Amino acid sequence: MIDQPMTSMEPSEGDMSSLPQPDSGLVRAILDSIPARVAVLDRELRYIYGNRSLLQFLGVSKTGIIGRNVVDVLGEEAFEEVKMP
């Protein structure tokens, strides 16, 4: 049994570095199991990840989008509709 209050085990406000990080395989498995389309892009708007729903929607494989620019995959018109301000 742990004889410490839970508050002393929590990171200080704003310090998230001591929190355990989820396993990337687990995160990918969760993202691939949800019906929402999920894409992760780098700063140059290149795909670094696309979940199963996104790949099925686009009709491509992971190798068909990873490293490609989102405008090249979606087209300029579709990109303008979905881009964040």
Protein backbone atom coordinates (compact mmCIF):
# COMPACT_ATOMS: atom_id res chain seq x y z
CA MET A 1 0.00 0.00 0.00
CA ILE A 2 1.25 3.48 -0.86
CA ASP A 3 1.35 5.79 2.14
CA GLN A 4 1.42 9.09 0.22
CA PRO A 5 -1.38 11.48 -0.61
CA MET A 6 -2.21 11.45 -4.31
CA THR A 7 -1.58 15.19 -4.63
CA SER A 8 2.11 14.72 -3.84
CA MET A 9 2.41 12.25 -6.74
CA GLU A 10 0.87 14.61 -9.30
CA PRO A 11 3.08 16.87 -11.41
CA SER A 12 3.18 20.53 -10.51
CA GLU A 13 0.89 22.81 -12.48
CA GLY A 14 2.22 23.24 -16.02
CA ASP A 15 4.77 20.42 -15.66
CA MET A 16 3.60 17.55 -17.81
CA SER A 17 7.06 16.07 -18.43
CA SER A 18 6.78 13.59 -15.58
CA LEU A 19 3.53 12.06 -16.84
CA PRO A 20 3.85 8.68 -18.53
CA GLN A 21 3.59 8.86 -22.31
CA PRO A 22 1.19 6.49 -24.09
CA ASP A 23 2.68 3.80 -26.29
CA SER A 24 2.51 4.94 -29.93
CA GLY A 25 1.24 1.52 -30.99
CA LEU A 26 -1.64 1.82 -28.57
CA VAL A 27 -2.48 5.32 -29.81
CA ARG A 28 -2.46 4.12 -33.44
CA ALA A 29 -4.67 1.16 -32.56
CA ILE A 30 -7.19 3.46 -30.88
CA LEU A 31 -7.15 5.95 -33.76
CA ASP A 32 -7.57 3.16 -36.31
CA SER A 33 -10.60 1.81 -34.44
CA ILE A 34 -12.66 5.02 -34.42
CA PRO A 35 -14.95 5.97 -37.31
CA ALA A 36 -13.75 9.59 -37.46
CA ARG A 37 -11.18 10.46 -40.13
CA VAL A 38 -7.92 11.48 -38.45
CA ALA A 39 -4.86 12.96 -40.15
CA VAL A 40 -1.66 14.16 -38.55
CA LEU A 41 0.33 16.67 -40.59
CA ASP A 42 3.77 18.19 -40.14
CA ARG A 43 4.48 21.93 -40.33
CA GLU A 44 4.73 21.78 -44.12
CA LEU A 45 1.26 20.14 -44.26
CA ARG A 46 2.63 16.73 -45.21
CA TYR A 47 0.88 13.65 -43.90
CA ILE A 48 2.76 11.81 -41.18
CA TYR A 49 -0.23 9.67 -40.18
CA GLY A 50 -3.68 8.81 -41.45
CA ASN A 51 -6.06 6.48 -39.66
CA ARG A 52 -7.97 3.64 -41.30
CA SER A 53 -11.15 5.70 -41.78
CA LEU A 54 -9.25 8.46 -43.57
CA LEU A 55 -7.44 6.01 -45.83
CA GLN A 56 -10.69 4.29 -46.75
CA PHE A 57 -12.39 7.64 -47.42
CA LEU A 58 -9.55 8.77 -49.69
CA GLY A 59 -9.23 5.34 -51.30
CA VAL A 60 -5.48 5.16 -50.67
CA SER A 61 -2.98 3.16 -48.64
CA LYS A 62 -0.67 4.63 -46.01
CA THR A 63 2.11 4.67 -48.57
CA GLY A 64 -0.23 6.67 -50.81
CA ILE A 65 -0.32 9.66 -48.46
CA ILE A 66 2.60 9.53 -46.00
CA GLY A 67 5.05 12.30 -46.89
CA ARG A 68 2.71 13.89 -49.43
CA ASN A 69 1.34 17.40 -49.08
CA VAL A 70 -2.33 17.60 -48.12
CA VAL A 71 -3.11 19.86 -51.10
CA ASP A 72 -1.61 17.27 -53.46
CA VAL A 73 -3.78 14.55 -51.94
CA LEU A 74 -7.07 16.45 -51.54
CA GLY A 75 -6.77 19.04 -54.26
CA GLU A 76 -6.82 22.81 -53.74
CA GLU A 77 -10.61 23.18 -53.66
CA ALA A 78 -11.18 20.43 -51.07
CA PHE A 79 -8.28 21.70 -48.98
CA GLU A 80 -9.80 25.19 -48.84
CA GLU A 81 -13.03 23.67 -47.49
CA VAL A 82 -11.37 21.71 -44.68
CA LYS A 83 -8.40 23.84 -43.64
CA MET A 84 -8.40 25.46 -40.24
CA PRO A 85 -8.22 29.26 -40.06
